[in-house]
Amino acid sequence: MKTKKISGILALIVSAVFACTFTACENNDPDTATTAQKSELQTLIDQVKSDISGATGLDISQVPDDVMNGVNTALTDAQNVVNKANATKTEVLSVKTALQAALSLLTSAAGGTSTSSSGSN
């Protein structure tokens, strides 16, 4: 049962990254992301990094390699959007959704709960 859940969440991460890479993130959306939206995304990035470092008590040794690869991909994509001067709201939302899914998968695979509170859009 846990394998099906991990596979489902991993598929969500891949589809969100794919959507950002090939559609929504081509900068067709003229609405540039606000500083607050990027700041919220950075907070989520910091939370995931904290969870990976073990600072929040998660046992990362239990997390399968494919899950960690998905988390790291989502982290890299999110950081790239934060660093992009003209990132759109769509880009921020897309990578934020992927990173939230990655965080959920990470905490599930590690057998813990995250303290992330970056659930608003």
PDB file of N, CA and C in Angstrom:
ATOM      1  N   MET A   1       0.824  -1.193   0.000  1.00  0.00           N
ATOM      2  CA  MET A   1       0.000   0.000   0.000  1.00  0.00           C
ATOM      3  C   MET A   1       0.866   1.254   0.000  1.00  0.00           C
ATOM      4  N   LYS A   2       1.954   1.238   0.804  1.00  0.00           N
ATOM      5  CA  LYS A   2       2.828   2.400   0.889  1.00  0.00           C
ATOM      6  C   LYS A   2       3.513   2.653  -0.460  1.00  0.00           C
ATOM      7  N   THR A   3       3.854   1.569  -1.183  1.00  0.00           N
ATOM      8  CA  THR A   3       4.491   1.708  -2.493  1.00  0.00           C
ATOM      9  C   THR A   3       3.557   2.386  -3.480  1.00  0.00           C
ATOM     10  N   LYS A   4       2.263   2.046  -3.458  1.00  0.00           N
ATOM     11  CA  LYS A   4       1.302   2.694  -4.352  1.00  0.00           C
ATOM     12  C   LYS A   4       1.192   4.180  -4.044  1.00  0.00           C
ATOM     13  N   LYS A   5       1.185   4.543  -2.752  1.00  0.00           N
ATOM     14  CA  LYS A   5       1.090   5.946  -2.358  1.00  0.00           C
ATOM     15  C   LYS A   5       2.321   6.703  -2.823  1.00  0.00           C
ATOM     16  N   ILE A   6       3.494   6.108  -2.617  1.00  0.00           N
ATOM     17  CA  ILE A   6       4.737   6.746  -3.047  1.00  0.00           C
ATOM     18  C   ILE A   6       4.741   6.910  -4.554  1.00  0.00           C
ATOM     19  N   SER A   7       4.333   5.896  -5.289  1.00  0.00           N
ATOM     20  CA  SER A   7       4.292   5.983  -6.750  1.00  0.00           C
ATOM     21  C   SER A   7       3.331   7.062  -7.211  1.00  0.00           C
ATOM     22  N   GLY A   8       2.189   7.171  -6.556  1.00  0.00           N
ATOM     23  CA  GLY A   8       1.205   8.188  -6.922  1.00  0.00           C
ATOM     24  C   GLY A   8       1.708   9.594  -6.682  1.00  0.00           C
ATOM     25  N   ILE A   9       2.332   9.815  -5.548  1.00  0.00           N
ATOM     26  CA  ILE A   9       2.854  11.146  -5.237  1.00  0.00           C
ATOM     27  C   ILE A   9       4.036  11.468  -6.134  1.00  0.00           C
ATOM     28  N   LEU A  10       4.878  10.473  -6.406  1.00  0.00           N
ATOM     29  CA  LEU A  10       6.007  10.688  -7.303  1.00  0.00           C
ATOM     30  C   LEU A  10       5.518  11.059  -8.701  1.00  0.00           C
ATOM     31  N   ALA A  11       4.433  10.423  -9.147  1.00  0.00           N
ATOM     32  CA  ALA A  11       3.848  10.766 -10.448  1.00  0.00           C
ATOM     33  C   ALA A  11       3.342  12.203 -10.444  1.00  0.00           C
ATOM     34  N   LEU A  12       2.777  12.658  -9.328  1.00  0.00           N
ATOM     35  CA  LEU A  12       2.310  14.045  -9.205  1.00  0.00           C
ATOM     36  C   LEU A  12       3.473  15.019  -9.320  1.00  0.00           C
ATOM     37  N   ILE A  13       4.572  14.698  -8.664  1.00  0.00           N
ATOM     38  CA  ILE A  13       5.756  15.562  -8.734  1.00  0.00           C
ATOM     39  C   ILE A  13       6.256  15.643 -10.168  1.00  0.00           C
ATOM     40  N   VAL A  14       6.374  14.498 -10.811  1.00  0.00           N
ATOM     41  CA  VAL A  14       6.868  14.474 -12.187  1.00  0.00           C
ATOM     42  C   VAL A  14       5.943  15.253 -13.102  1.00  0.00           C
ATOM     43  N   SER A  15       4.632  15.108 -12.943  1.00  0.00           N
ATOM     44  CA  SER A  15       3.702  15.825 -13.822  1.00  0.00           C
ATOM     45  C   SER A  15       3.751  17.327 -13.573  1.00  0.00           C
ATOM     46  N   ALA A  16       3.930  17.750 -12.331  1.00  0.00           N
ATOM     47  CA  ALA A  16       4.019  19.180 -12.047  1.00  0.00           C
ATOM     48  C   ALA A  16       5.305  19.762 -12.613  1.00  0.00           C
ATOM     49  N   VAL A  17       6.394  19.031 -12.484  1.00  0.00           N
ATOM     50  CA  VAL A  17       7.662  19.488 -13.056  1.00  0.00           C
ATOM     51  C   VAL A  17       7.564  19.517 -14.572  1.00  0.00           C
ATOM     52  N   PHE A  18       6.949  18.497 -15.158  1.00  0.00           N
ATOM     53  CA  PHE A  18       6.769  18.449 -16.609  1.00  0.00           C
ATOM     54  C   PHE A  18       5.934  19.636 -17.077  1.00  0.00           C
ATOM     55  N   ALA A  19       4.859  19.927 -16.370  1.00  0.00           N
ATOM     56  CA  ALA A  19       3.995  21.049 -16.757  1.00  0.00           C
ATOM     57  C   ALA A  19       4.762  22.357 -16.701  1.00  0.00           C
ATOM     58  N   CYS A  20       5.583  22.526 -15.699  1.00  0.00           N
ATOM     59  CA  CYS A  20       6.368  23.747 -15.572  1.00  0.00           C
ATOM     60  C   CYS A  20       7.417  23.824 -16.667  1.00  0.00           C
ATOM     61  N   THR A  21       8.057  22.714 -16.930  1.00  0.00           N
ATOM     62  CA  THR A  21       9.150  22.706 -17.897  1.00  0.00           C
ATOM     63  C   THR A  21       8.668  22.952 -19.315  1.00  0.00           C
ATOM     64  N   PHE A  22       7.534  22.379 -19.689  1.00  0.00           N
ATOM     65  CA  PHE A  22       7.139  22.406 -21.090  1.00  0.00           C
ATOM     66  C   PHE A  22       5.935  23.281 -21.434  1.00  0.00           C
ATOM     67  N   THR A  23       5.253  23.820 -20.445  1.00  0.00           N
ATOM     68  CA  THR A  23       4.086  24.626 -20.775  1.00  0.00           C
ATOM     69  C   THR A  23       4.043  25.933 -20.019  1.00  0.00           C
ATOM     70  N   ALA A  24       3.663  25.884 -18.782  1.00  0.00           N
ATOM     71  CA  ALA A  24       3.387  27.106 -18.017  1.00  0.00           C
ATOM     72  C   ALA A  24       4.606  27.979 -17.791  1.00  0.00           C
ATOM     73  N   CYS A  25       5.778  27.425 -17.852  1.00  0.00           N
ATOM     74  CA  CYS A  25       6.965  28.192 -17.496  1.00  0.00           C
ATOM     75  C   CYS A  25       7.686  28.790 -18.694  1.00  0.00           C
ATOM     76  N   GLU A  26       7.029  28.891 -19.803  1.00  0.00           N
ATOM     77  CA  GLU A  26       7.628  29.511 -20.972  1.00  0.00           C
ATOM     78  C   GLU A  26       7.499  31.022 -20.934  1.00  0.00           C
ATOM     79  N   ASN A  27       7.067  31.540 -19.801  1.00  0.00           N
ATOM     80  CA  ASN A  27       6.923  32.975 -19.573  1.00  0.00           C
ATOM     81  C   ASN A  27       5.873  33.603 -20.484  1.00  0.00           C
ATOM     82  N   ASN A  28       4.836  32.833 -20.824  1.00  0.00           N
ATOM     83  CA  ASN A  28       3.718  33.375 -21.587  1.00  0.00           C
ATOM     84  C   ASN A  28       2.791  34.198 -20.704  1.00  0.00           C
ATOM     85  N   ASP A  29       2.866  33.969 -19.411  1.00  0.00           N
ATOM     86  CA  ASP A  29       2.026  34.680 -18.451  1.00  0.00           C
ATOM     87  C   ASP A  29       2.703  35.997 -18.094  1.00  0.00           C
ATOM     88  N   PRO A  30       2.087  37.125 -18.453  1.00  0.00           N
ATOM     89  CA  PRO A  30       2.732  38.413 -18.182  1.00  0.00           C
ATOM     90  C   PRO A  30       2.700  38.821 -16.713  1.00  0.00           C
ATOM     91  N   ASP A  31       1.976  38.100 -15.887  1.00  0.00           N
ATOM     92  CA  ASP A  31       1.857  38.438 -14.474  1.00  0.00           C
ATOM     93  C   ASP A  31       3.068  37.946 -13.705  1.00  0.00           C
ATOM     94  N   THR A  32       3.961  38.827 -13.427  1.00  0.00           N
ATOM     95  CA  THR A  32       5.168  38.473 -12.686  1.00  0.00           C
ATOM     96  C   THR A  32       4.808  38.154 -11.236  1.00  0.00           C
ATOM     97  N   ALA A  33       5.467  37.146 -10.708  1.00  0.00           N
ATOM     98  CA  ALA A  33       5.233  36.752  -9.321  1.00  0.00           C
ATOM     99  C   ALA A  33       5.640  37.883  -8.385  1.00  0.00           C
ATOM    100  N   THR A  34       4.907  38.009  -7.313  1.00  0.00           N
ATOM    101  CA  THR A  34       5.219  39.041  -6.321  1.00  0.00           C
ATOM    102  C   THR A  34       6.358  38.581  -5.430  1.00  0.00           C
ATOM    103  N   THR A  35       6.957  39.529  -4.758  1.00  0.00           N
ATOM    104  CA  THR A  35       8.015  39.222  -3.796  1.00  0.00           C
ATOM    105  C   THR A  35       7.473  38.312  -2.698  1.00  0.00           C
ATOM    106  N   ALA A  36       6.248  38.550  -2.276  1.00  0.00           N
ATOM    107  CA  ALA A  36       5.647  37.728  -1.215  1.00  0.00           C
ATOM    108  C   ALA A  36       5.475  36.280  -1.673  1.00  0.00           C
ATOM    109  N   GLN A  37       5.060  36.085  -2.922  1.00  0.00           N
ATOM    110  CA  GLN A  37       4.908  34.718  -3.434  1.00  0.00           C
ATOM    111  C   GLN A  37       6.250  34.002  -3.501  1.00  0.00           C
ATOM    112  N   LYS A  38       7.275  34.702  -3.951  1.00  0.00           N
ATOM    113  CA  LYS A  38       8.611  34.107  -3.999  1.00  0.00           C
ATOM    114  C   LYS A  38       9.140  33.844  -2.591  1.00  0.00           C
ATOM    115  N   SER A  39       8.841  34.738  -1.674  1.00  0.00           N
ATOM    116  CA  SER A  39       9.276  34.568  -0.293  1.00  0.00           C
ATOM    117  C   SER A  39       8.611  33.334   0.330  1.00  0.00           C
ATOM    118  N   GLU A  40       7.345  33.153   0.047  1.00  0.00           N
ATOM    119  CA  GLU A  40       6.630  31.977   0.555  1.00  0.00           C
ATOM    120  C   GLU A  40       7.224  30.695  -0.022  1.00  0.00           C
ATOM    121  N   LEU A  41       7.570  30.731  -1.311  1.00  0.00           N
ATOM    122  CA  LEU A  41       8.211  29.581  -1.937  1.00  0.00           C
ATOM    123  C   LEU A  41       9.577  29.327  -1.300  1.00  0.00           C
ATOM    124  N   GLN A  42      10.336  30.380  -1.028  1.00  0.00           N
ATOM    125  CA  GLN A  42      11.639  30.216  -0.389  1.00  0.00           C
ATOM    126  C   GLN A  42      11.496  29.607   0.999  1.00  0.00           C
ATOM    127  N   THR A  43      10.454  29.984   1.718  1.00  0.00           N
ATOM    128  CA  THR A  43      10.199  29.402   3.044  1.00  0.00           C
ATOM    129  C   THR A  43       9.963  27.899   2.929  1.00  0.00           C
ATOM    130  N   LEU A  44       9.200  27.503   1.913  1.00  0.00           N
ATOM    131  CA  LEU A  44       8.948  26.077   1.687  1.00  0.00           C
ATOM    132  C   LEU A  44      10.249  25.356   1.307  1.00  0.00           C
ATOM    133  N   ILE A  45      11.057  25.982   0.475  1.00  0.00           N
ATOM    134  CA  ILE A  45      12.355  25.412   0.106  1.00  0.00           C
ATOM    135  C   ILE A  45      13.198  25.189   1.362  1.00  0.00           C
ATOM    136  N   ASP A  46      13.242  26.202   2.221  1.00  0.00           N
ATOM    137  CA  ASP A  46      14.015  26.099   3.461  1.00  0.00           C
ATOM    138  C   ASP A  46      13.495  24.979   4.356  1.00  0.00           C
ATOM    139  N   GLN A  47      12.169  24.809   4.393  1.00  0.00           N
ATOM    140  CA  GLN A  47      11.569  23.739   5.190  1.00  0.00           C
ATOM    141  C   GLN A  47      12.002  22.368   4.678  1.00  0.00           C
ATOM    142  N   VAL A  48      11.955  22.187   3.371  1.00  0.00           N
ATOM    143  CA  VAL A  48      12.348  20.903   2.794  1.00  0.00           C
ATOM    144  C   VAL A  48      13.830  20.639   3.061  1.00  0.00           C
ATOM    145  N   LYS A  49      14.655  21.660   2.891  1.00  0.00           N
ATOM    146  CA  LYS A  49      16.082  21.501   3.174  1.00  0.00           C
ATOM    147  C   LYS A  49      16.312  21.136   4.636  1.00  0.00           C
ATOM    148  N   SER A  50      15.554  21.742   5.527  1.00  0.00           N
ATOM    149  CA  SER A  50      15.656  21.438   6.951  1.00  0.00           C
ATOM    150  C   SER A  50      15.256  19.991   7.222  1.00  0.00           C
ATOM    151  N   ASP A  51      14.179  19.550   6.577  1.00  0.00           N
ATOM    152  CA  ASP A  51      13.740  18.164   6.744  1.00  0.00           C
ATOM    153  C   ASP A  51      14.796  17.192   6.232  1.00  0.00           C
ATOM    154  N   ILE A  52      15.410  17.516   5.089  1.00  0.00           N
ATOM    155  CA  ILE A  52      16.436  16.644   4.519  1.00  0.00           C
ATOM    156  C   ILE A  52      17.656  16.574   5.438  1.00  0.00           C
ATOM    157  N   SER A  53      17.995  17.681   6.053  1.00  0.00           N
ATOM    158  CA  SER A  53      19.174  17.709   6.929  1.00  0.00           C
ATOM    159  C   SER A  53      18.953  16.946   8.229  1.00  0.00           C
ATOM    160  N   GLY A  54      17.702  16.600   8.510  1.00  0.00           N
ATOM    161  CA  GLY A  54      17.398  15.894   9.744  1.00  0.00           C
ATOM    162  C   GLY A  54      17.115  16.812  10.917  1.00  0.00           C
ATOM    163  N   ALA A  55      17.142  18.113  10.669  1.00  0.00           N
ATOM    164  CA  ALA A  55      16.947  19.082  11.753  1.00  0.00           C
ATOM    165  C   ALA A  55      15.551  19.001  12.365  1.00  0.00           C
ATOM    166  N   THR A  56      14.589  18.486  11.623  1.00  0.00           N
ATOM    167  CA  THR A  56      13.221  18.407  12.134  1.00  0.00           C
ATOM    168  C   THR A  56      12.892  17.030  12.704  1.00  0.00           C
ATOM    169  N   GLY A  57      13.894  16.157  12.757  1.00  0.00           N
ATOM    170  CA  GLY A  57      13.691  14.851  13.363  1.00  0.00           C
ATOM    171  C   GLY A  57      13.261  13.752  12.407  1.00  0.00           C
ATOM    172  N   LEU A  58      13.160  14.055  11.119  1.00  0.00           N
ATOM    173  CA  LEU A  58      12.810  13.001  10.163  1.00  0.00           C
ATOM    174  C   LEU A  58      13.986  12.050   9.979  1.00  0.00           C
ATOM    175  N   ASP A  59      13.683  10.767   9.852  1.00  0.00           N
ATOM    176  CA  ASP A  59      14.720   9.769   9.623  1.00  0.00           C
ATOM    177  C   ASP A  59      14.864   9.574   8.119  1.00  0.00           C
ATOM    178  N   ILE A  60      15.727  10.368   7.527  1.00  0.00           N
ATOM    179  CA  ILE A  60      15.905  10.365   6.080  1.00  0.00           C
ATOM    180  C   ILE A  60      16.527   9.058   5.600  1.00  0.00           C
ATOM    181  N   SER A  61      17.161   8.304   6.475  1.00  0.00           N
ATOM    182  CA  SER A  61      17.773   7.030   6.073  1.00  0.00           C
ATOM    183  C   SER A  61      16.728   6.035   5.566  1.00  0.00           C
ATOM    184  N   GLN A  62      15.468   6.246   5.918  1.00  0.00           N
ATOM    185  CA  GLN A  62      14.393   5.354   5.481  1.00  0.00           C
ATOM    186  C   GLN A  62      13.860   5.707   4.086  1.00  0.00           C
ATOM    187  N   VAL A  63      14.241   6.847   3.556  1.00  0.00           N
ATOM    188  CA  VAL A  63      13.669   7.347   2.305  1.00  0.00           C
ATOM    189  C   VAL A  63      14.360   6.690   1.112  1.00  0.00           C
ATOM    190  N   PRO A  64      13.577   6.056   0.218  1.00  0.00           N
ATOM    191  CA  PRO A  64      14.159   5.424  -0.974  1.00  0.00           C
ATOM    192  C   PRO A  64      14.829   6.451  -1.898  1.00  0.00           C
ATOM    193  N   ASP A  65      15.814   5.977  -2.665  1.00  0.00           N
ATOM    194  CA  ASP A  65      16.556   6.854  -3.568  1.00  0.00           C
ATOM    195  C   ASP A  65      15.663   7.565  -4.571  1.00  0.00           C
ATOM    196  N   ASP A  66      14.660   6.867  -5.118  1.00  0.00           N
ATOM    197  CA  ASP A  66      13.804   7.512  -6.119  1.00  0.00           C
ATOM    198  C   ASP A  66      13.000   8.661  -5.510  1.00  0.00           C
ATOM    199  N   VAL A  67      12.644   8.523  -4.258  1.00  0.00           N
ATOM    200  CA  VAL A  67      11.930   9.602  -3.572  1.00  0.00           C
ATOM    201  C   VAL A  67      12.871  10.790  -3.361  1.00  0.00           C
ATOM    202  N   MET A  68      14.090  10.515  -2.901  1.00  0.00           N
ATOM    203  CA  MET A  68      15.052  11.602  -2.691  1.00  0.00           C
ATOM    204  C   MET A  68      15.378  12.298  -4.009  1.00  0.00           C
ATOM    205  N   ASN A  69      15.481  11.534  -5.091  1.00  0.00           N
ATOM    206  CA  ASN A  69      15.740  12.139  -6.400  1.00  0.00           C
ATOM    207  C   ASN A  69      14.600  13.077  -6.791  1.00  0.00           C
ATOM    208  N   GLY A  70      13.367  12.664  -6.540  1.00  0.00           N
ATOM    209  CA  GLY A  70      12.211  13.517  -6.836  1.00  0.00           C
ATOM    210  C   GLY A  70      12.200  14.770  -5.982  1.00  0.00           C
ATOM    211  N   VAL A  71      12.541  14.614  -4.715  1.00  0.00           N
ATOM    212  CA  VAL A  71      12.598  15.761  -3.805  1.00  0.00           C
ATOM    213  C   VAL A  71      13.682  16.734  -4.264  1.00  0.00           C
ATOM    214  N   ASN A  72      14.843  16.208  -4.600  1.00  0.00           N
ATOM    215  CA  ASN A  72      15.941  17.070  -5.038  1.00  0.00           C
ATOM    216  C   ASN A  72      15.626  17.778  -6.350  1.00  0.00           C
ATOM    217  N   THR A  73      14.944  17.108  -7.258  1.00  0.00           N
ATOM    218  CA  THR A  73      14.529  17.742  -8.511  1.00  0.00           C
ATOM    219  C   THR A  73      13.549  18.874  -8.237  1.00  0.00           C
ATOM    220  N   ALA A  74      12.572  18.610  -7.371  1.00  0.00           N
ATOM    221  CA  ALA A  74      11.589  19.640  -7.021  1.00  0.00           C
ATOM    222  C   ALA A  74      12.269  20.827  -6.331  1.00  0.00           C
ATOM    223  N   LEU A  75      13.246  20.550  -5.475  1.00  0.00           N
ATOM    224  CA  LEU A  75      13.992  21.621  -4.805  1.00  0.00           C
ATOM    225  C   LEU A  75      14.761  22.481  -5.807  1.00  0.00           C
ATOM    226  N   THR A  76      15.441  21.838  -6.725  1.00  0.00           N
ATOM    227  CA  THR A  76      16.220  22.564  -7.732  1.00  0.00           C
ATOM    228  C   THR A  76      15.310  23.427  -8.596  1.00  0.00           C
ATOM    229  N   ASP A  77      14.202  22.859  -9.047  1.00  0.00           N
ATOM    230  CA  ASP A  77      13.262  23.613  -9.881  1.00  0.00           C
ATOM    231  C   ASP A  77      12.697  24.810  -9.120  1.00  0.00           C
ATOM    232  N   ALA A  78      12.364  24.598  -7.855  1.00  0.00           N
ATOM    233  CA  ALA A  78      11.807  25.689  -7.050  1.00  0.00           C
ATOM    234  C   ALA A  78      12.838  26.798  -6.838  1.00  0.00           C
ATOM    235  N   GLN A  79      14.065  26.416  -6.537  1.00  0.00           N
ATOM    236  CA  GLN A  79      15.106  27.423  -6.324  1.00  0.00           C
ATOM    237  C   GLN A  79      15.384  28.203  -7.611  1.00  0.00           C
ATOM    238  N   ASN A  80      15.341  27.527  -8.751  1.00  0.00           N
ATOM    239  CA  ASN A  80      15.531  28.211 -10.034  1.00  0.00           C
ATOM    240  C   ASN A  80      14.455  29.262 -10.272  1.00  0.00           C
ATOM    241  N   VAL A  81      13.228  28.956  -9.897  1.00  0.00           N
ATOM    242  CA  VAL A  81      12.137  29.920 -10.063  1.00  0.00           C
ATOM    243  C   VAL A  81      12.304  31.092  -9.105  1.00  0.00           C
ATOM    244  N   VAL A  82      12.688  30.823  -7.870  1.00  0.00           N
ATOM    245  CA  VAL A  82      12.922  31.907  -6.909  1.00  0.00           C
ATOM    246  C   VAL A  82      14.019  32.842  -7.423  1.00  0.00           C
ATOM    247  N   ASN A  83      15.041  32.274  -8.018  1.00  0.00           N
ATOM    248  CA  ASN A  83      16.171  33.066  -8.513  1.00  0.00           C
ATOM    249  C   ASN A  83      15.878  33.773  -9.830  1.00  0.00           C
ATOM    250  N   LYS A  84      14.817  33.395 -10.511  1.00  0.00           N
ATOM    251  CA  LYS A  84      14.474  33.980 -11.810  1.00  0.00           C
ATOM    252  C   LYS A  84      13.822  35.347 -11.609  1.00  0.00           C
ATOM    253  N   ALA A  85      14.419  36.363 -12.163  1.00  0.00           N
ATOM    254  CA  ALA A  85      13.938  37.734 -11.954  1.00  0.00           C
ATOM    255  C   ALA A  85      12.513  37.946 -12.447  1.00  0.00           C
ATOM    256  N   ASN A  86      12.164  37.360 -13.568  1.00  0.00           N
ATOM    257  CA  ASN A  86      10.845  37.589 -14.156  1.00  0.00           C
ATOM    258  C   ASN A  86       9.942  36.359 -14.050  1.00  0.00           C
ATOM    259  N   ALA A  87      10.094  35.604 -12.985  1.00  0.00           N
ATOM    260  CA  ALA A  87       9.252  34.419 -12.789  1.00  0.00           C
ATOM    261  C   ALA A  87       7.784  34.821 -12.726  1.00  0.00           C
ATOM    262  N   THR A  88       6.948  34.004 -13.321  1.00  0.00           N
ATOM    263  CA  THR A  88       5.516  34.295 -13.325  1.00  0.00           C
ATOM    264  C   THR A  88       4.837  33.648 -12.122  1.00  0.00           C
ATOM    265  N   LYS A  89       3.629  34.110 -11.864  1.00  0.00           N
ATOM    266  CA  LYS A  89       2.826  33.512 -10.790  1.00  0.00           C
ATOM    267  C   LYS A  89       2.577  32.044 -11.087  1.00  0.00           C
ATOM    268  N   THR A  90       2.372  31.718 -12.358  1.00  0.00           N
ATOM    269  CA  THR A  90       2.130  30.333 -12.762  1.00  0.00           C
ATOM    270  C   THR A  90       3.345  29.463 -12.454  1.00  0.00           C
ATOM    271  N   GLU A  91       4.527  29.976 -12.736  1.00  0.00           N
ATOM    272  CA  GLU A  91       5.747  29.225 -12.434  1.00  0.00           C
ATOM    273  C   GLU A  91       5.877  28.974 -10.941  1.00  0.00           C
ATOM    274  N   VAL A  92       5.660  30.010 -10.149  1.00  0.00           N
ATOM    275  CA  VAL A  92       5.775  29.882  -8.699  1.00  0.00           C
ATOM    276  C   VAL A  92       4.770  28.856  -8.181  1.00  0.00           C
ATOM    277  N   LEU A  93       3.538  28.953  -8.631  1.00  0.00           N
ATOM    278  CA  LEU A  93       2.514  28.017  -8.179  1.00  0.00           C
ATOM    279  C   LEU A  93       2.835  26.584  -8.609  1.00  0.00           C
ATOM    280  N   SER A  94       3.318  26.424  -9.822  1.00  0.00           N
ATOM    281  CA  SER A  94       3.633  25.091 -10.329  1.00  0.00           C
ATOM    282  C   SER A  94       4.734  24.413  -9.513  1.00  0.00           C
ATOM    283  N   VAL A  95       5.841  25.111  -9.295  1.00  0.00           N
ATOM    284  CA  VAL A  95       6.936  24.497  -8.542  1.00  0.00           C
ATOM    285  C   VAL A  95       6.597  24.366  -7.067  1.00  0.00           C
ATOM    286  N   LYS A  96       5.761  25.275  -6.559  1.00  0.00           N
ATOM    287  CA  LYS A  96       5.343  25.174  -5.161  1.00  0.00           C
ATOM    288  C   LYS A  96       4.490  23.917  -4.960  1.00  0.00           C
ATOM    289  N   THR A  97       3.589  23.665  -5.888  1.00  0.00           N
ATOM    290  CA  THR A  97       2.759  22.461  -5.820  1.00  0.00           C
ATOM    291  C   THR A  97       3.620  21.203  -5.877  1.00  0.00           C
ATOM    292  N   ALA A  98       4.592  21.194  -6.779  1.00  0.00           N
ATOM    293  CA  ALA A  98       5.489  20.038  -6.893  1.00  0.00           C
ATOM    294  C   ALA A  98       6.308  19.853  -5.618  1.00  0.00           C
ATOM    295  N   LEU A  99       6.775  20.954  -5.049  1.00  0.00           N
ATOM    296  CA  LEU A  99       7.591  20.870  -3.838  1.00  0.00           C
ATOM    297  C   LEU A  99       6.753  20.431  -2.635  1.00  0.00           C
ATOM    298  N   GLN A 100       5.510  20.894  -2.556  1.00  0.00           N
ATOM    299  CA  GLN A 100       4.631  20.446  -1.472  1.00  0.00           C
ATOM    300  C   GLN A 100       4.365  18.945  -1.583  1.00  0.00           C
ATOM    301  N   ALA A 101       4.169  18.469  -2.811  1.00  0.00           N
ATOM    302  CA  ALA A 101       3.963  17.031  -3.014  1.00  0.00           C
ATOM    303  C   ALA A 101       5.227  16.262  -2.636  1.00  0.00           C
ATOM    304  N   ALA A 102       6.380  16.805  -3.000  1.00  0.00           N
ATOM    305  CA  ALA A 102       7.647  16.161  -2.649  1.00  0.00           C
ATOM    306  C   ALA A 102       7.836  16.110  -1.136  1.00  0.00           C
ATOM    307  N   LEU A 103       7.478  17.196  -0.458  1.00  0.00           N
ATOM    308  CA  LEU A 103       7.587  17.238   1.001  1.00  0.00           C
ATOM    309  C   LEU A 103       6.661  16.209   1.645  1.00  0.00           C
ATOM    310  N   SER A 104       5.472  16.093   1.116  1.00  0.00           N
ATOM    311  CA  SER A 104       4.526  15.103   1.629  1.00  0.00           C
ATOM    312  C   SER A 104       5.072  13.685   1.448  1.00  0.00           C
ATOM    313  N   LEU A 105       5.625  13.435   0.281  1.00  0.00           N
ATOM    314  CA  LEU A 105       6.203  12.124  -0.004  1.00  0.00           C
ATOM    315  C   LEU A 105       7.408  11.856   0.893  1.00  0.00           C
ATOM    316  N   LEU A 106       8.234  12.857   1.079  1.00  0.00           N
ATOM    317  CA  LEU A 106       9.412  12.730   1.931  1.00  0.00           C
ATOM    318  C   LEU A 106       9.021  12.375   3.361  1.00  0.00           C
ATOM    319  N   THR A 107       8.080  13.120   3.913  1.00  0.00           N
ATOM    320  CA  THR A 107       7.685  12.867   5.301  1.00  0.00           C
ATOM    321  C   THR A 107       6.997  11.513   5.445  1.00  0.00           C
ATOM    322  N   SER A 108       6.224  11.130   4.432  1.00  0.00           N
ATOM    323  CA  SER A 108       5.574   9.825   4.465  1.00  0.00           C
ATOM    324  C   SER A 108       6.609   8.707   4.422  1.00  0.00           C
ATOM    325  N   ALA A 109       7.575   8.841   3.520  1.00  0.00           N
ATOM    326  CA  ALA A 109       8.608   7.815   3.381  1.00  0.00           C
ATOM    327  C   ALA A 109       9.508   7.752   4.608  1.00  0.00           C
ATOM    328  N   ALA A 110       9.693   8.892   5.270  1.00  0.00           N
ATOM    329  CA  ALA A 110      10.546   8.937   6.461  1.00  0.00           C
ATOM    330  C   ALA A 110       9.776   8.554   7.723  1.00  0.00           C
ATOM    331  N   GLY A 111       8.464   8.370   7.581  1.00  0.00           N
ATOM    332  CA  GLY A 111       7.655   7.953   8.716  1.00  0.00           C
ATOM    333  C   GLY A 111       7.390   9.043   9.726  1.00  0.00           C
ATOM    334  N   GLY A 112       7.367  10.295   9.265  1.00  0.00           N
ATOM    335  CA  GLY A 112       7.153  11.402  10.193  1.00  0.00           C
ATOM    336  C   GLY A 112       6.156  12.394   9.675  1.00  0.00           C
ATOM    337  N   THR A 113       6.136  13.551  10.304  1.00  0.00           N
ATOM    338  CA  THR A 113       5.291  14.651   9.857  1.00  0.00           C
ATOM    339  C   THR A 113       6.146  15.884   9.727  1.00  0.00           C
ATOM    340  N   SER A 114       5.788  16.727   8.762  1.00  0.00           N
ATOM    341  CA  SER A 114       6.530  17.957   8.539  1.00  0.00           C
ATOM    342  C   SER A 114       5.873  19.093   9.290  1.00  0.00           C
ATOM    343  N   THR A 115       6.656  20.094   9.600  1.00  0.00           N
ATOM    344  CA  THR A 115       6.117  21.272  10.263  1.00  0.00           C
ATOM    345  C   THR A 115       5.790  22.378   9.274  1.00  0.00           C
ATOM    346  N   SER A 116       5.779  22.048   7.982  1.00  0.00           N
ATOM    347  CA  SER A 116       5.523  23.044   6.953  1.00  0.00           C
ATOM    348  C   SER A 116       4.141  23.642   7.101  1.00  0.00           C
ATOM    349  N   SER A 117       4.075  24.961   6.970  1.00  0.00           N
ATOM    350  CA  SER A 117       2.781  25.651   7.041  1.00  0.00           C
ATOM    351  C   SER A 117       2.565  26.511   5.803  1.00  0.00           C
ATOM    352  N   SER A 118       3.267  26.198   4.729  1.00  0.00           N
ATOM    353  CA  SER A 118       3.186  26.987   3.495  1.00  0.00           C
ATOM    354  C   SER A 118       2.117  26.428   2.585  1.00  0.00           C
ATOM    355  N   GLY A 119       0.910  26.330   3.058  1.00  0.00           N
ATOM    356  CA  GLY A 119      -0.164  25.727   2.282  1.00  0.00           C
ATOM    357  C   GLY A 119      -0.989  26.701   1.469  1.00  0.00           C
ATOM    358  N   SER A 120      -0.825  27.989   1.665  1.00  0.00           N
ATOM    359  CA  SER A 120      -1.641  28.935   0.926  1.00  0.00           C
ATOM    360  C   SER A 120      -1.039  29.216  -0.437  1.00  0.00           C
ATOM    361  N   ASN A 121      -1.854  29.706  -1.351  1.00  0.00           N
ATOM    362  CA  ASN A 121      -1.354  29.983  -2.701  1.00  0.00           C
ATOM    363  C   ASN A 121      -1.102  31.413  -2.884  1.00  0.00           C
TER     364      ASN A 121
END
